Amino acid sequence: MAVRTTWKIVHSCGHEVAHNLSDRAADRRAGFARWLEGRDCTDCWKAARDSDTESKEDVLTELNHAYSQVRVPFC
């Protein structure tokens, strides 16, 4: 019996992608495939990550402001 290496995953975003899981141990492929099902596909993940730059900049600005207010002298 051949060990399955390619899995068709329906991601949480709704896209179906064939993943080559041959680099995973045979006894861990099914678990990893289930884990992938709970995640967005690579394209959707990258789009969501790239579109969130404004909120990242806002957070960094707030952190920089807070850091400048709380500077503690070094003893």
N, C-alpha and C. Protein backbone atom coordinates (compact mmCIF):
# COMPACT_ATOMS: atom_id res chain seq x y z
N MET A 1 0.85 -1.18 0.00
CA MET A 1 0.00 0.00 0.00
C MET A 1 0.90 1.24 0.00
N ALA A 2 0.61 2.17 -0.88
CA ALA A 2 1.39 3.41 -0.98
C ALA A 2 0.97 4.39 0.11
N VAL A 3 1.95 5.12 0.59
CA VAL A 3 1.68 6.14 1.61
C VAL A 3 1.35 7.44 0.90
N ARG A 4 0.26 8.03 1.30
CA ARG A 4 -0.23 9.25 0.68
C ARG A 4 0.70 10.42 1.02
N THR A 5 1.09 11.19 0.00
CA THR A 5 1.96 12.35 0.23
C THR A 5 1.31 13.67 -0.17
N THR A 6 0.34 13.63 -1.07
CA THR A 6 -0.36 14.84 -1.51
C THR A 6 -1.77 14.85 -0.95
N TRP A 7 -2.11 15.94 -0.29
CA TRP A 7 -3.42 16.08 0.36
C TRP A 7 -4.13 17.29 -0.22
N LYS A 8 -5.41 17.12 -0.57
CA LYS A 8 -6.23 18.26 -0.99
C LYS A 8 -6.88 18.83 0.26
N ILE A 9 -6.53 20.07 0.57
CA ILE A 9 -7.00 20.72 1.78
C ILE A 9 -7.99 21.81 1.41
N VAL A 10 -9.16 21.80 2.06
CA VAL A 10 -10.11 22.90 1.94
C VAL A 10 -9.86 23.79 3.15
N HIS A 11 -9.27 24.95 2.88
CA HIS A 11 -8.88 25.87 3.95
C HIS A 11 -10.09 26.61 4.50
N SER A 12 -9.91 27.26 5.64
CA SER A 12 -11.01 27.98 6.28
C SER A 12 -11.52 29.14 5.42
N CYS A 13 -10.70 29.62 4.49
CA CYS A 13 -11.12 30.70 3.59
C CYS A 13 -11.98 30.16 2.45
N GLY A 14 -12.05 28.82 2.31
CA GLY A 14 -12.87 28.21 1.27
C GLY A 14 -12.09 27.72 0.06
N HIS A 15 -10.84 28.10 -0.06
CA HIS A 15 -10.03 27.66 -1.19
C HIS A 15 -9.54 26.24 -0.98
N GLU A 16 -9.47 25.48 -2.07
CA GLU A 16 -8.96 24.12 -2.03
C GLU A 16 -7.57 24.11 -2.67
N VAL A 17 -6.59 23.62 -1.93
CA VAL A 17 -5.21 23.61 -2.40
C VAL A 17 -4.63 22.22 -2.18
N ALA A 18 -3.90 21.71 -3.17
CA ALA A 18 -3.21 20.44 -3.03
C ALA A 18 -1.85 20.70 -2.39
N HIS A 19 -1.60 20.11 -1.24
CA HIS A 19 -0.35 20.30 -0.52
C HIS A 19 0.47 19.02 -0.59
N ASN A 20 1.76 19.17 -0.89
CA ASN A 20 2.69 18.05 -0.88
C ASN A 20 3.25 17.96 0.54
N LEU A 21 2.87 16.93 1.28
CA LEU A 21 3.29 16.76 2.66
C LEU A 21 4.37 15.69 2.80
N SER A 22 5.09 15.43 1.72
CA SER A 22 6.10 14.37 1.76
C SER A 22 7.26 14.71 2.68
N ASP A 23 7.45 15.98 3.02
CA ASP A 23 8.53 16.35 3.92
C ASP A 23 8.17 16.10 5.39
N ARG A 24 6.93 15.71 5.66
CA ARG A 24 6.47 15.38 7.01
C ARG A 24 6.56 13.86 7.21
N ALA A 25 6.73 13.46 8.44
CA ALA A 25 6.72 12.03 8.75
C ALA A 25 5.34 11.46 8.40
N ALA A 26 5.31 10.24 7.89
CA ALA A 26 4.06 9.64 7.42
C ALA A 26 2.98 9.59 8.50
N ASP A 27 3.38 9.37 9.74
CA ASP A 27 2.38 9.28 10.81
C ASP A 27 1.89 10.65 11.29
N ARG A 28 2.44 11.72 10.77
CA ARG A 28 2.03 13.07 11.18
C ARG A 28 1.32 13.85 10.08
N ARG A 29 1.22 13.28 8.91
CA ARG A 29 0.63 14.00 7.78
C ARG A 29 -0.85 14.29 7.98
N ALA A 30 -1.60 13.35 8.46
CA ALA A 30 -3.04 13.55 8.63
C ALA A 30 -3.30 14.65 9.66
N GLY A 31 -2.54 14.66 10.74
CA GLY A 31 -2.70 15.69 11.76
C GLY A 31 -2.34 17.07 11.22
N PHE A 32 -1.29 17.15 10.44
CA PHE A 32 -0.90 18.43 9.85
C PHE A 32 -1.94 18.89 8.83
N ALA A 33 -2.51 17.95 8.09
CA ALA A 33 -3.57 18.29 7.12
C ALA A 33 -4.78 18.87 7.85
N ARG A 34 -5.14 18.28 8.99
CA ARG A 34 -6.26 18.82 9.78
C ARG A 34 -5.93 20.22 10.29
N TRP A 35 -4.68 20.43 10.70
CA TRP A 35 -4.26 21.75 11.17
C TRP A 35 -4.36 22.78 10.05
N LEU A 36 -3.94 22.38 8.83
CA LEU A 36 -4.02 23.29 7.69
C LEU A 36 -5.46 23.68 7.37
N GLU A 37 -6.40 22.75 7.56
CA GLU A 37 -7.81 23.03 7.28
C GLU A 37 -8.33 24.19 8.12
N GLY A 38 -7.79 24.39 9.28
CA GLY A 38 -8.24 25.47 10.16
C GLY A 38 -7.59 26.80 9.86
N ARG A 39 -6.74 26.87 8.85
CA ARG A 39 -6.02 28.10 8.51
C ARG A 39 -6.42 28.57 7.12
N ASP A 40 -6.22 29.87 6.86
CA ASP A 40 -6.41 30.40 5.52
C ASP A 40 -5.33 29.85 4.59
N CYS A 41 -5.63 29.81 3.30
CA CYS A 41 -4.61 29.38 2.33
C CYS A 41 -3.50 30.43 2.30
N THR A 42 -2.40 30.08 1.70
CA THR A 42 -1.23 30.97 1.67
C THR A 42 -1.55 32.31 1.05
N ASP A 43 -2.27 32.32 -0.06
CA ASP A 43 -2.58 33.59 -0.74
C ASP A 43 -3.45 34.49 0.14
N CYS A 44 -4.47 33.93 0.78
CA CYS A 44 -5.34 34.73 1.64
C CYS A 44 -4.59 35.20 2.89
N TRP A 45 -3.73 34.35 3.42
CA TRP A 45 -2.95 34.72 4.60
C TRP A 45 -2.03 35.90 4.27
N LYS A 46 -1.36 35.82 3.12
CA LYS A 46 -0.47 36.91 2.73
C LYS A 46 -1.24 38.20 2.47
N ALA A 47 -2.41 38.09 1.84
CA ALA A 47 -3.22 39.28 1.57
C ALA A 47 -3.67 39.94 2.87
N ALA A 48 -4.09 39.13 3.85
CA ALA A 48 -4.53 39.67 5.13
C ALA A 48 -3.35 40.29 5.87
N ARG A 49 -2.19 39.67 5.81
CA ARG A 49 -1.01 40.19 6.48
C ARG A 49 -0.57 41.51 5.86
N ASP A 50 -0.57 41.59 4.54
CA ASP A 50 -0.11 42.80 3.86
C ASP A 50 -1.11 43.95 4.00
N SER A 51 -2.39 43.66 4.12
CA SER A 51 -3.39 44.72 4.20
C SER A 51 -3.47 45.32 5.61
N ASP A 52 -2.79 44.74 6.56
CA ASP A 52 -2.88 45.18 7.95
C ASP A 52 -1.75 46.12 8.35
N THR A 53 -1.08 46.75 7.39
CA THR A 53 0.07 47.58 7.71
C THR A 53 -0.30 48.84 8.47
N GLU A 54 -1.50 49.40 8.23
CA GLU A 54 -1.89 50.62 8.93
C GLU A 54 -2.01 50.38 10.43
N SER A 55 -2.65 49.28 10.83
CA SER A 55 -2.80 49.03 12.26
C SER A 55 -1.45 48.73 12.89
N LYS A 56 -0.53 48.09 12.15
CA LYS A 56 0.81 47.84 12.68
C LYS A 56 1.53 49.16 12.94
N GLU A 57 1.40 50.09 11.99
CA GLU A 57 2.04 51.39 12.15
C GLU A 57 1.45 52.15 13.33
N ASP A 58 0.13 52.05 13.53
CA ASP A 58 -0.51 52.71 14.67
C ASP A 58 0.01 52.15 15.98
N VAL A 59 0.13 50.84 16.06
CA VAL A 59 0.62 50.19 17.28
C VAL A 59 2.05 50.60 17.55
N LEU A 60 2.89 50.61 16.52
CA LEU A 60 4.29 51.00 16.70
C LEU A 60 4.41 52.45 17.14
N THR A 61 3.58 53.33 16.60
CA THR A 61 3.59 54.73 17.01
C THR A 61 3.20 54.86 18.47
N GLU A 62 2.16 54.15 18.89
CA GLU A 62 1.73 54.18 20.29
C GLU A 62 2.82 53.64 21.22
N LEU A 63 3.48 52.56 20.81
CA LEU A 63 4.54 52.00 21.64
C LEU A 63 5.73 52.94 21.76
N ASN A 64 6.09 53.57 20.65
CA ASN A 64 7.19 54.53 20.70
C ASN A 64 6.86 55.71 21.60
N HIS A 65 5.63 56.18 21.52
CA HIS A 65 5.20 57.29 22.38
C HIS A 65 5.22 56.87 23.85
N ALA A 66 4.70 55.69 24.13
CA ALA A 66 4.68 55.20 25.51
C ALA A 66 6.10 55.01 26.03
N TYR A 67 6.99 54.51 25.20
CA TYR A 67 8.38 54.30 25.62
C TYR A 67 9.05 55.63 25.93
N SER A 68 8.79 56.65 25.13
CA SER A 68 9.42 57.94 25.37
C SER A 68 8.90 58.59 26.65
N GLN A 69 7.69 58.23 27.08
CA GLN A 69 7.11 58.78 28.30
C GLN A 69 7.60 58.07 29.56
N VAL A 70 8.05 56.83 29.43
CA VAL A 70 8.34 56.01 30.58
C VAL A 70 9.84 55.74 30.75
N ARG A 71 10.67 56.41 30.08
CA ARG A 71 12.11 56.13 30.19
C ARG A 71 12.56 56.20 31.64
N VAL A 72 13.26 55.17 32.05
CA VAL A 72 13.76 55.07 33.41
C VAL A 72 15.27 55.24 33.36
N PRO A 73 15.82 56.12 34.20
CA PRO A 73 17.28 56.29 34.17
C PRO A 73 17.98 55.03 34.63
N PHE A 74 19.10 54.75 34.00
CA PHE A 74 19.88 53.58 34.35
C PHE A 74 20.73 53.88 35.59
N CYS A 75 20.67 53.03 36.57
CA CYS A 75 21.39 53.26 37.82
C CYS A 75 22.82 52.83 37.74
